[in-house]
Amino acid sequence: MKEIRSYLGWKVDYLNPPGEPAFAGPDSVSWRVFKNPVALAIGGIAAVLLEFADARIRSGVWDHSVFKTDPIGRSKRTGVAAMVGVYGPQSAARRVIQGVTNMHAKVSGETPSGETYRALDVELLDWVAATASFGFLTAYDRFASPVSDADKTRFFQEGAVVARLYGSQNPILSLADFDAMLAKLSPRFEPHPINTEFLGIMSSGRAAPGVPKGLQSMIVHAAVSILPSAVRTRLELGPEYDLHAKGAATVRLMAKIAETIPDATSPAAHASERLGLPRSFLWISPDEQARLLKAAAMRASLQKA
């Protein structure tokens, strides 16, 4: 059965048109990482904390979006925007990204200290793209499955095309690039009640009504645990946010289960089918994946002949 997902008024059909590529391929590190909902939840919260550390982004989101009234819905929509850039047909991804950019063009203002900002400021766009990549990759590496140094670099490079579509002019291509951007911006970082309010909401049980509140709290603590230590210190996220051994083991178990049990209704599964692969493609062994990719490439070659 066809499933079409709606985002900001646009319909995103991950199953169609058949054969249309995404901006990342089935053999990419991005497809591997983004299939894991536990890693996405942890990485997304960490990314928001890194963004909110800068008053310009915090003010822009707080004053010009529904984040104050619907932080969970806003966070989910942001997750969908990230997902369509990885799994969506390129035509659909371009349409959604252009819509997001059009909205951002209307966002400008002043921080409480009087500093002006525009959502389309290149420095802010660069940082938002960097925090998302860092958050998702680090969460996956830490809790789902280790990622080699070479694949970490490949992951950042895969995301550069979509980051540029969102307006980033200097997308990070390695962890070293992230560290350099962090070093440049971190003197601006500051603690703020909005940060702890956000974490309180995400720990409250409202983020995922079907998931026990205790597990959601562990996800929040896991997100804080992957922040660079200097950032956590500057944001004054103290020991009350520590991820203890039992919580870490529970989060890893959840992430590893998500690595092994296919979600046939997910964008990852639908995108696989769109490209002539089984919906379970991302959950099978690397050797079987390679065999299926070779067979799919051969079929495509024969069709062109």
Protein backbone atom coordinates (compact mmCIF):
# COMPACT_ATOMS: atom_id res chain seq x y z
CA MET A 1 0.00 0.00 0.00
CA LYS A 2 1.29 3.42 -0.94
CA GLU A 3 2.13 5.68 1.96
CA ILE A 4 2.61 9.39 1.36
CA ARG A 5 3.97 11.58 4.13
CA SER A 6 3.02 15.23 4.46
CA TYR A 7 5.49 17.92 5.45
CA LEU A 8 4.75 21.64 5.45
CA GLY A 9 1.96 21.11 2.94
CA TRP A 10 4.06 19.05 0.52
CA LYS A 11 3.47 15.37 -0.07
CA VAL A 12 6.56 13.18 0.22
CA ASP A 13 6.19 9.80 -1.44
CA TYR A 14 9.29 7.71 -0.70
CA LEU A 15 8.06 4.90 -2.96
CA ASN A 16 7.69 6.95 -6.15
CA PRO A 17 8.68 7.64 -8.79
CA PRO A 18 10.33 4.23 -9.18
CA GLY A 19 14.06 4.47 -9.74
CA GLU A 20 14.46 8.15 -8.90
CA PRO A 21 17.66 8.46 -6.84
CA ALA A 22 18.02 10.21 -3.51
CA PHE A 23 20.91 12.53 -2.74
CA ALA A 24 22.56 9.59 -0.95
CA GLY A 25 22.66 6.04 -2.26
CA PRO A 26 21.65 2.71 -0.70
CA ASP A 27 25.31 1.89 -0.04
CA SER A 28 25.92 5.20 1.76
CA VAL A 29 26.78 5.67 5.41
CA SER A 30 23.87 8.13 5.58
CA TRP A 31 21.31 5.45 4.72
CA ARG A 32 22.81 3.21 7.40
CA VAL A 33 22.69 5.90 10.09
CA PHE A 34 19.31 7.46 9.36
CA LYS A 35 17.42 4.16 9.47
CA ASN A 36 17.95 3.99 13.27
CA PRO A 37 15.22 5.93 15.13
CA VAL A 38 17.01 5.73 18.47
CA ALA A 39 20.15 7.36 17.06
CA LEU A 40 18.02 10.00 15.35
CA ALA A 41 16.21 10.85 18.59
CA ILE A 42 19.46 11.18 20.55
CA GLY A 43 21.27 13.05 17.79
CA GLY A 44 18.37 15.40 17.17
CA ILE A 45 18.21 16.51 20.80
CA ALA A 46 21.98 17.01 20.89
CA ALA A 47 21.81 19.07 17.69
CA VAL A 48 19.12 21.35 19.16
CA LEU A 49 21.24 21.94 22.27
CA LEU A 50 24.25 22.84 20.12
CA GLU A 51 22.11 25.23 18.06
CA PHE A 52 20.40 26.81 21.08
CA ALA A 53 23.81 27.47 22.61
CA ASP A 54 24.02 30.42 20.17
CA ALA A 55 21.58 33.20 21.11
CA ARG A 56 20.91 34.07 17.47
CA ILE A 57 19.58 30.62 16.63
CA ARG A 58 17.81 30.24 19.97
CA SER A 59 16.01 33.56 19.50
CA GLY A 60 15.17 32.82 15.88
CA VAL A 61 13.58 29.48 16.71
CA TRP A 62 11.87 30.70 19.88
CA ASP A 63 10.46 33.90 18.43
CA HIS A 64 9.57 32.80 14.89
CA SER A 65 8.30 29.23 15.09
CA VAL A 66 5.81 27.14 17.06
CA PHE A 67 8.61 25.75 19.21
CA LYS A 68 7.24 27.42 22.35
CA THR A 69 3.77 25.93 21.90
CA ASP A 70 4.57 22.71 20.04
CA PRO A 71 8.23 21.76 20.59
CA ILE A 72 7.60 18.10 19.90
CA GLY A 73 5.78 18.73 16.62
CA ARG A 74 8.44 21.22 15.58
CA SER A 75 11.20 18.71 16.37
CA LYS A 76 9.44 15.97 14.40
CA ARG A 77 9.02 18.23 11.38
CA THR A 78 12.71 19.05 11.52
CA GLY A 79 13.41 15.31 11.57
CA VAL A 80 11.25 14.81 8.49
CA ALA A 81 13.16 17.56 6.68
CA ALA A 82 16.39 15.71 7.45
CA MET A 83 14.90 12.37 6.36
CA VAL A 84 13.70 13.60 2.97
CA GLY A 85 17.21 14.84 2.19
CA VAL A 86 18.59 11.35 2.73
CA TYR A 87 15.88 9.01 1.43
CA GLY A 88 13.50 11.12 -0.61
CA PRO A 89 13.46 11.30 -4.41
CA GLN A 90 15.67 14.23 -5.36
CA SER A 91 12.71 16.11 -6.86
CA ALA A 92 10.74 15.83 -3.60
CA ALA A 93 13.76 16.74 -1.50
CA ARG A 94 14.39 19.88 -3.55
CA ARG A 95 10.75 20.90 -3.20
CA VAL A 96 10.72 20.50 0.59
CA ILE A 97 14.10 22.17 1.06
CA GLN A 98 13.03 25.14 -1.06
CA GLY A 99 9.92 25.47 1.09
CA VAL A 100 11.99 25.50 4.27
CA THR A 101 14.35 28.07 2.76
CA ASN A 102 11.41 30.28 1.76
CA MET A 103 10.19 30.28 5.36
CA HIS A 104 13.65 31.01 6.72
CA ALA A 105 13.89 34.03 4.40
CA LYS A 106 11.18 35.68 6.49
CA VAL A 107 12.95 35.17 9.81
CA SER A 108 15.00 38.00 11.30
CA GLY A 109 15.13 39.88 14.57
CA GLU A 110 17.21 40.76 17.61
CA THR A 111 18.46 38.66 20.49
CA PRO A 112 17.64 39.85 24.03
CA SER A 113 21.08 41.53 24.09
CA GLY A 114 20.24 43.51 20.93
CA GLU A 115 22.29 41.55 18.40
CA THR A 116 20.57 41.29 15.02
CA TYR A 117 20.19 37.98 13.22
CA ARG A 118 18.76 36.55 10.00
CA ALA A 119 17.91 32.88 9.61
CA LEU A 120 19.69 32.90 6.25
CA ASP A 121 22.96 34.19 7.71
CA VAL A 122 25.57 31.84 6.28
CA GLU A 123 27.31 31.35 9.61
CA LEU A 124 24.05 30.17 11.18
CA LEU A 125 23.16 27.92 8.25
CA ASP A 126 26.63 26.37 8.38
CA TRP A 127 26.30 25.69 12.10
CA VAL A 128 22.80 24.18 11.90
CA ALA A 129 23.94 21.79 9.16
CA ALA A 130 27.05 20.89 11.15
CA THR A 131 25.18 20.20 14.40
CA ALA A 132 22.72 17.85 12.69
CA SER A 133 25.48 15.84 11.03
CA PHE A 134 27.52 15.69 14.23
CA GLY A 135 24.55 14.76 16.39
CA PHE A 136 23.17 11.95 14.24
CA LEU A 137 26.55 10.41 13.45
CA THR A 138 27.87 10.59 17.01
CA ALA A 139 24.68 9.09 18.45
CA TYR A 140 24.77 6.21 15.96
CA ASP A 141 28.49 5.57 16.56
CA ARG A 142 28.14 5.70 20.33
CA PHE A 143 24.95 3.70 20.83
CA ALA A 144 23.99 1.74 17.68
CA SER A 145 27.12 0.55 15.89
CA PRO A 146 30.73 1.79 15.72
CA VAL A 147 31.58 3.83 12.63
CA SER A 148 35.13 3.75 11.22
CA ASP A 149 37.05 6.99 10.77
CA ALA A 150 36.83 6.60 7.00
CA ASP A 151 33.07 6.14 7.13
CA LYS A 152 32.68 9.13 9.44
CA THR A 153 34.39 11.29 6.83
CA ARG A 154 32.27 9.71 4.11
CA PHE A 155 29.11 10.50 6.09
CA PHE A 156 29.97 14.21 6.31
CA GLN A 157 30.87 14.34 2.63
CA GLU A 158 27.58 12.66 1.67
CA GLY A 159 25.63 15.35 3.50
CA ALA A 160 27.36 18.29 1.84
CA VAL A 161 25.06 18.42 -1.20
CA VAL A 162 21.90 18.71 0.89
CA ALA A 163 23.56 21.16 3.30
CA ARG A 164 24.33 23.42 0.34
CA LEU A 165 20.71 23.19 -0.83
CA TYR A 166 19.68 24.51 2.58
CA GLY A 167 22.06 27.44 2.08
CA SER A 168 25.20 26.28 3.85
CA GLN A 169 28.25 27.56 2.02
CA ASN A 170 30.84 25.80 4.16
CA PRO A 171 29.46 22.35 4.99
CA ILE A 172 31.71 20.32 7.22
CA LEU A 173 33.48 17.44 5.49
CA SER A 174 35.12 15.85 8.52
CA LEU A 175 35.14 15.84 12.31
CA ALA A 176 38.09 18.20 12.15
CA ASP A 177 35.90 20.68 10.26
CA PHE A 178 33.26 20.39 13.00
CA ASP A 179 35.84 20.98 15.71
CA ALA A 180 37.12 24.07 13.90
CA MET A 181 33.61 25.51 13.53
CA LEU A 182 32.88 24.74 17.18
CA ALA A 183 36.07 26.48 18.30
CA LYS A 184 35.09 29.58 16.35
CA LEU A 185 31.54 29.79 17.70
CA SER A 186 31.87 28.44 21.24
CA PRO A 187 32.89 31.77 22.84
CA ARG A 188 29.34 32.91 22.03
CA PHE A 189 27.69 29.98 23.83
CA GLU A 190 25.74 30.58 27.01
CA PRO A 191 23.40 28.74 29.37
CA HIS A 192 19.74 29.68 29.12
CA PRO A 193 16.44 28.55 30.69
CA ILE A 194 15.14 27.64 27.23
CA ASN A 195 17.71 24.84 27.06
CA THR A 196 16.54 23.23 30.29
CA GLU A 197 12.89 23.84 29.39
CA PHE A 198 13.45 21.99 26.13
CA LEU A 199 15.12 19.09 27.93
CA GLY A 200 12.30 18.99 30.45
CA ILE A 201 9.73 18.69 27.69
CA MET A 202 11.67 15.94 25.93
CA SER A 203 12.00 14.03 29.25
CA SER A 204 8.36 14.48 30.23
CA GLY A 205 6.88 11.61 28.26
CA ARG A 206 5.14 13.93 25.81
CA ALA A 207 7.67 13.42 23.01
CA ALA A 208 6.55 9.85 22.31
CA PRO A 209 3.35 8.94 24.19
CA GLY A 210 3.77 5.22 23.52
CA VAL A 211 7.29 5.13 25.00
CA PRO A 212 7.72 4.93 28.80
CA LYS A 213 8.74 8.23 30.37
CA GLY A 214 11.83 6.65 31.91
CA LEU A 215 13.14 5.61 28.49
CA GLN A 216 12.56 9.10 27.12
CA SER A 217 14.54 10.51 30.02
CA MET A 218 17.39 8.12 29.17
CA ILE A 219 17.33 9.36 25.57
CA VAL A 220 17.70 12.94 26.82
CA HIS A 221 20.61 12.01 29.08
CA ALA A 222 22.20 10.13 26.18
CA ALA A 223 21.93 13.27 24.05
CA VAL A 224 23.64 15.37 26.70
CA SER A 225 26.35 12.72 27.02
CA ILE A 226 27.45 13.09 23.38
CA LEU A 227 27.89 16.86 23.58
CA PRO A 228 31.51 18.01 23.53
CA SER A 229 32.45 18.32 27.18
CA ALA A 230 33.33 22.01 26.88
CA VAL A 231 29.87 22.74 25.45
CA ARG A 232 28.13 20.86 28.23
CA THR A 233 30.13 22.81 30.79
CA ARG A 234 29.35 26.15 29.16
CA LEU A 235 25.64 25.30 29.00
CA GLU A 236 25.76 24.33 32.69
CA LEU A 237 24.18 20.93 32.12
CA GLY A 238 25.40 19.37 35.34
CA PRO A 239 25.45 15.89 36.89
CA GLU A 240 21.66 15.74 36.96
CA TYR A 241 21.95 14.98 33.23
CA ASP A 242 24.57 12.23 33.60
CA LEU A 243 23.84 9.00 31.74
CA HIS A 244 24.53 6.27 34.25
CA ALA A 245 25.64 2.74 33.41
CA LYS A 246 22.16 1.18 33.51
CA GLY A 247 20.72 3.92 31.33
CA ALA A 248 23.58 3.65 28.84
CA ALA A 249 23.10 -0.13 28.59
CA THR A 250 19.36 0.32 28.05
CA VAL A 251 19.83 2.92 25.31
CA ARG A 252 22.42 0.74 23.55
CA LEU A 253 20.06 -2.23 23.68
CA MET A 254 17.24 -0.13 22.16
CA ALA A 255 19.52 1.16 19.41
CA LYS A 256 20.87 -2.30 18.60
CA ILE A 257 17.36 -3.76 18.40
CA ALA A 258 16.48 -0.97 15.95
CA GLU A 259 19.54 -2.04 13.92
CA THR A 260 18.27 -5.59 13.50
CA ILE A 261 14.47 -5.36 13.19
CA PRO A 262 13.30 -3.93 9.85
CA ASP A 263 10.68 -1.18 9.86
CA ALA A 264 8.84 -1.87 6.62
CA THR A 265 6.82 1.36 6.87
CA SER A 266 9.80 3.70 7.27
CA PRO A 267 11.22 6.09 4.67
CA ALA A 268 14.35 3.90 4.64
CA ALA A 269 12.32 0.83 3.63
CA HIS A 270 10.22 2.72 1.08
CA ALA A 271 13.27 4.32 -0.51
CA SER A 272 14.87 0.89 -0.84
CA GLU A 273 11.81 -0.42 -2.68
CA ARG A 274 11.76 2.66 -4.93
CA LEU A 275 15.23 1.70 -6.11
CA GLY A 276 14.36 -1.94 -6.77
CA LEU A 277 15.62 -3.35 -3.47
CA PRO A 278 13.72 -5.22 -0.75
CA ARG A 279 12.31 -3.11 2.06
CA SER A 280 14.52 -5.05 4.48
CA PHE A 281 17.67 -4.06 2.54
CA LEU A 282 19.25 -1.86 5.23
CA TRP A 283 18.81 -4.50 7.93
CA ILE A 284 20.46 -7.43 6.14
CA SER A 285 24.15 -8.39 6.11
CA PRO A 286 26.66 -6.25 4.19
CA ASP A 287 27.48 -9.19 1.92
CA GLU A 288 23.82 -9.66 0.99
CA GLN A 289 23.47 -5.92 0.44
CA ALA A 290 26.42 -5.98 -1.95
CA ARG A 291 24.88 -8.89 -3.87
CA LEU A 292 21.54 -7.11 -4.21
CA LEU A 293 23.15 -3.85 -5.29
CA LYS A 294 25.15 -5.69 -7.96
CA ALA A 295 21.99 -7.39 -9.23
CA ALA A 296 20.09 -4.10 -9.28
CA ALA A 297 22.89 -2.39 -11.21
CA MET A 298 22.89 -5.23 -13.74
CA ARG A 299 19.11 -4.92 -14.24
CA ALA A 300 19.42 -1.18 -14.76
CA SER A 301 22.20 -1.72 -17.29
CA LEU A 302 20.10 -4.22 -19.25
CA GLN A 303 17.12 -1.86 -19.29
CA LYS A 304 19.26 0.90 -20.79
CA ALA A 305 20.72 -1.39 -23.46
